[in-house]
C-alpha cells in the first residue's frame, strides 16, 4: 500500500511548497514596493530530523530557494541547521515551519 501513498505525498508536498513559494514571493514583492523596508533578519538554529544525505540536501536547497529564508550552516554532527529568516516571527513559529517541511520531506524519501 506504500506504493500508492508515495504519489499522494509527493503531490501534497508540491502543493504545500508551491503555496509557500508564492506566499513568500508576494511578501518580498510587497516589501520591495513599499516606501520603507519592513524586514527584521534573524538567524535561528533548528534541529534536523532528516537522516539521509539526499533528504538533507533536498531540505536545505528547498529552504534556500524560498524567498526570505536561507540555509546558513549545518553543524558538523548534522543535528542542527542555522537558517537565516528575512522576517522575524516568534521562534516557535519559525521552528514549526522548518519542522513541517522536514516532516513532509521525510514522508517522500522514506
C-alpha atoms as a PDB file:
ATOM      1  CA  UNK A   1       0.000   0.000   0.000  1.00  0.00           C
ATOM      2  CA  UNK A   2       3.001   2.305   0.437  1.00  0.00           C
ATOM      3  CA  UNK A   3       3.352   2.388  -3.364  1.00  0.00           C
ATOM      4  CA  UNK A   4       0.022   4.204  -3.635  1.00  0.00           C
ATOM      5  CA  UNK A   5       0.844   6.578  -0.785  1.00  0.00           C
ATOM      6  CA  UNK A   6       4.089   7.958  -2.267  1.00  0.00           C
ATOM      7  CA  UNK A   7       2.498   9.803  -5.245  1.00  0.00           C
ATOM      8  CA  UNK A   8      -0.093  11.325  -2.918  1.00  0.00           C
ATOM      9  CA  UNK A   9       2.664  12.509  -0.548  1.00  0.00           C
ATOM     10  CA  UNK A  10       4.638  13.981  -3.459  1.00  0.00           C
ATOM     11  CA  UNK A  11       1.619  15.859  -4.824  1.00  0.00           C
ATOM     12  CA  UNK A  12       0.762  17.063  -1.319  1.00  0.00           C
ATOM     13  CA  UNK A  13       4.315  18.297  -0.785  1.00  0.00           C
ATOM     14  CA  UNK A  14       4.419  20.072  -4.151  1.00  0.00           C
ATOM     15  CA  UNK A  15       1.162  21.866  -3.361  1.00  0.00           C
ATOM     16  CA  UNK A  16       2.433  22.819   0.098  1.00  0.00           C
ATOM     17  CA  UNK A  17       5.777  24.032  -1.272  1.00  0.00           C
ATOM     18  CA  UNK A  18       4.289  25.968  -4.199  1.00  0.00           C
ATOM     19  CA  UNK A  19       1.816  27.685  -1.865  1.00  0.00           C
ATOM     20  CA  UNK A  20       4.655  28.764   0.448  1.00  0.00           C
ATOM     21  CA  UNK A  21       6.799  29.797  -2.515  1.00  0.00           C
ATOM     22  CA  UNK A  22       4.085  32.067  -3.936  1.00  0.00           C
ATOM     23  CA  UNK A  23       3.277  33.476  -0.485  1.00  0.00           C
ATOM     24  CA  UNK A  24       6.949  34.268   0.173  1.00  0.00           C
ATOM     25  CA  UNK A  25       7.347  35.912  -3.236  1.00  0.00           C
ATOM     26  CA  UNK A  26       4.327  38.125  -2.606  1.00  0.00           C
ATOM     27  CA  UNK A  27       5.660  39.165   0.820  1.00  0.00           C
ATOM     28  CA  UNK A  28       9.069  40.039  -0.658  1.00  0.00           C
ATOM     29  CA  UNK A  29       7.460  41.924  -3.579  1.00  0.00           C
ATOM     30  CA  UNK A  30       5.255  43.930  -1.222  1.00  0.00           C
ATOM     31  CA  UNK A  31       8.271  44.795   0.911  1.00  0.00           C
ATOM     32  CA  UNK A  32      10.303  45.876  -2.114  1.00  0.00           C
ATOM     33  CA  UNK A  33       7.493  48.064  -3.416  1.00  0.00           C
ATOM     34  CA  UNK A  34       6.767  49.690  -0.063  1.00  0.00           C
ATOM     35  CA  UNK A  35       8.438  53.035   0.732  1.00  0.00           C
ATOM     36  CA  UNK A  36      10.404  51.529   3.610  1.00  0.00           C
ATOM     37  CA  UNK A  37      11.729  48.046   4.254  1.00  0.00           C
ATOM     38  CA  UNK A  38       9.887  46.041   6.887  1.00  0.00           C
ATOM     39  CA  UNK A  39      12.422  43.253   7.248  1.00  0.00           C
ATOM     40  CA  UNK A  40      13.881  42.162  10.565  1.00  0.00           C
ATOM     41  CA  UNK A  41      16.517  39.482   9.819  1.00  0.00           C
ATOM     42  CA  UNK A  42      17.325  36.767  12.307  1.00  0.00           C
ATOM     43  CA  UNK A  43      19.378  33.556  12.476  1.00  0.00           C
ATOM     44  CA  UNK A  44      17.618  30.543  14.012  1.00  0.00           C
ATOM     45  CA  UNK A  45      19.130  27.186  14.913  1.00  0.00           C
ATOM     46  CA  UNK A  46      16.744  24.338  14.171  1.00  0.00           C
ATOM     47  CA  UNK A  47      17.076  20.642  14.900  1.00  0.00           C
ATOM     48  CA  UNK A  48      17.498  18.401  11.870  1.00  0.00           C
ATOM     49  CA  UNK A  49      15.212  15.364  11.868  1.00  0.00           C
ATOM     50  CA  UNK A  50      16.075  14.124   8.376  1.00  0.00           C
ATOM     51  CA  UNK A  51      18.748  11.426   8.489  1.00  0.00           C
ATOM     52  CA  UNK A  52      19.572  10.777   4.826  1.00  0.00           C
ATOM     53  CA  UNK A  53      22.066  12.878   2.905  1.00  0.00           C
ATOM     54  CA  UNK A  54      19.667  13.225  -0.029  1.00  0.00           C
ATOM     55  CA  UNK A  55      16.869  14.358   2.286  1.00  0.00           C
ATOM     56  CA  UNK A  56      19.126  16.918   3.939  1.00  0.00           C
ATOM     57  CA  UNK A  57      20.288  18.192   0.552  1.00  0.00           C
ATOM     58  CA  UNK A  58      16.700  18.452  -0.687  1.00  0.00           C
ATOM     59  CA  UNK A  59      15.589  20.187   2.506  1.00  0.00           C
ATOM     60  CA  UNK A  60      18.383  22.762   2.585  1.00  0.00           C
ATOM     61  CA  UNK A  61      18.005  23.558  -1.122  1.00  0.00           C
ATOM     62  CA  UNK A  62      14.219  23.933  -0.979  1.00  0.00           C
ATOM     63  CA  UNK A  63      14.557  26.114   2.101  1.00  0.00           C
ATOM     64  CA  UNK A  64      17.122  28.318   0.356  1.00  0.00           C
ATOM     65  CA  UNK A  65      15.024  28.599  -2.821  1.00  0.00           C
ATOM     66  CA  UNK A  66      12.132  30.047  -0.854  1.00  0.00           C
ATOM     67  CA  UNK A  67      12.434  33.843  -0.774  1.00  0.00           C
ATOM     68  CA  UNK A  68      13.100  35.155   2.726  1.00  0.00           C
ATOM     69  CA  UNK A  69      14.909  32.067   4.036  1.00  0.00           C
ATOM     70  CA  UNK A  70      18.407  30.740   3.560  1.00  0.00           C
ATOM     71  CA  UNK A  71      20.153  27.632   4.863  1.00  0.00           C
ATOM     72  CA  UNK A  72      23.170  29.190   6.507  1.00  0.00           C
ATOM     73  CA  UNK A  73      25.119  26.412   8.222  1.00  0.00           C
ATOM     74  CA  UNK A  74      24.860  22.739   9.161  1.00  0.00           C
ATOM     75  CA  UNK A  75      26.576  21.584  12.326  1.00  0.00           C
ATOM     76  CA  UNK A  76      29.394  19.022  11.835  1.00  0.00           C
ATOM     77  CA  UNK A  77      27.295  16.307  13.514  1.00  0.00           C
ATOM     78  CA  UNK A  78      24.312  17.128  11.207  1.00  0.00           C
ATOM     79  CA  UNK A  79      21.978  17.665  14.119  1.00  0.00           C
ATOM     80  CA  UNK A  80      21.402  21.439  13.802  1.00  0.00           C
ATOM     81  CA  UNK A  81      20.763  23.753  10.870  1.00  0.00           C
ATOM     82  CA  UNK A  82      21.195  27.502  11.103  1.00  0.00           C
ATOM     83  CA  UNK A  83      18.570  29.271   8.996  1.00  0.00           C
ATOM     84  CA  UNK A  84      18.506  32.953   8.078  1.00  0.00           C
ATOM     85  CA  UNK A  85      14.988  34.408   8.085  1.00  0.00           C
ATOM     86  CA  UNK A  86      14.486  37.800   6.467  1.00  0.00           C
ATOM     87  CA  UNK A  87      11.352  38.411   8.547  1.00  0.00           C
ATOM     88  CA  UNK A  88      11.406  37.686  12.266  1.00  0.00           C
ATOM     89  CA  UNK A  89       8.432  35.825  13.749  1.00  0.00           C
ATOM     90  CA  UNK A  90       8.143  34.039  17.054  1.00  0.00           C
ATOM     91  CA  UNK A  91      10.861  31.421  17.374  1.00  0.00           C
ATOM     92  CA  UNK A  92       8.234  28.720  17.878  1.00  0.00           C
ATOM     93  CA  UNK A  93       6.565  29.637  14.587  1.00  0.00           C
ATOM     94  CA  UNK A  94       9.844  29.643  12.664  1.00  0.00           C
ATOM     95  CA  UNK A  95      10.867  26.280  14.132  1.00  0.00           C
ATOM     96  CA  UNK A  96       7.411  24.853  13.397  1.00  0.00           C
ATOM     97  CA  UNK A  97       7.695  25.890   9.728  1.00  0.00           C
ATOM     98  CA  UNK A  98      11.100  24.216   9.435  1.00  0.00           C
ATOM     99  CA  UNK A  99       9.857  21.071  11.160  1.00  0.00           C
ATOM    100  CA  UNK A 100       6.796  20.857   8.892  1.00  0.00           C
ATOM    101  CA  UNK A 101       8.973  20.979   5.768  1.00  0.00           C
ATOM    102  CA  UNK A 102      11.232  18.260   7.178  1.00  0.00           C
ATOM    103  CA  UNK A 103       8.303  16.022   8.100  1.00  0.00           C
ATOM    104  CA  UNK A 104       6.843  16.323   4.604  1.00  0.00           C
ATOM    105  CA  UNK A 105      10.213  15.522   3.008  1.00  0.00           C
ATOM    106  CA  UNK A 106      10.623  12.505   5.307  1.00  0.00           C
ATOM    107  CA  UNK A 107       7.277  11.155   4.070  1.00  0.00           C
ATOM    108  CA  UNK A 108       8.515  11.291   0.489  1.00  0.00           C
ATOM    109  CA  UNK A 109      12.032   9.895   0.861  1.00  0.00           C
ATOM    110  CA  UNK A 110      11.438   7.200   3.486  1.00  0.00           C
END
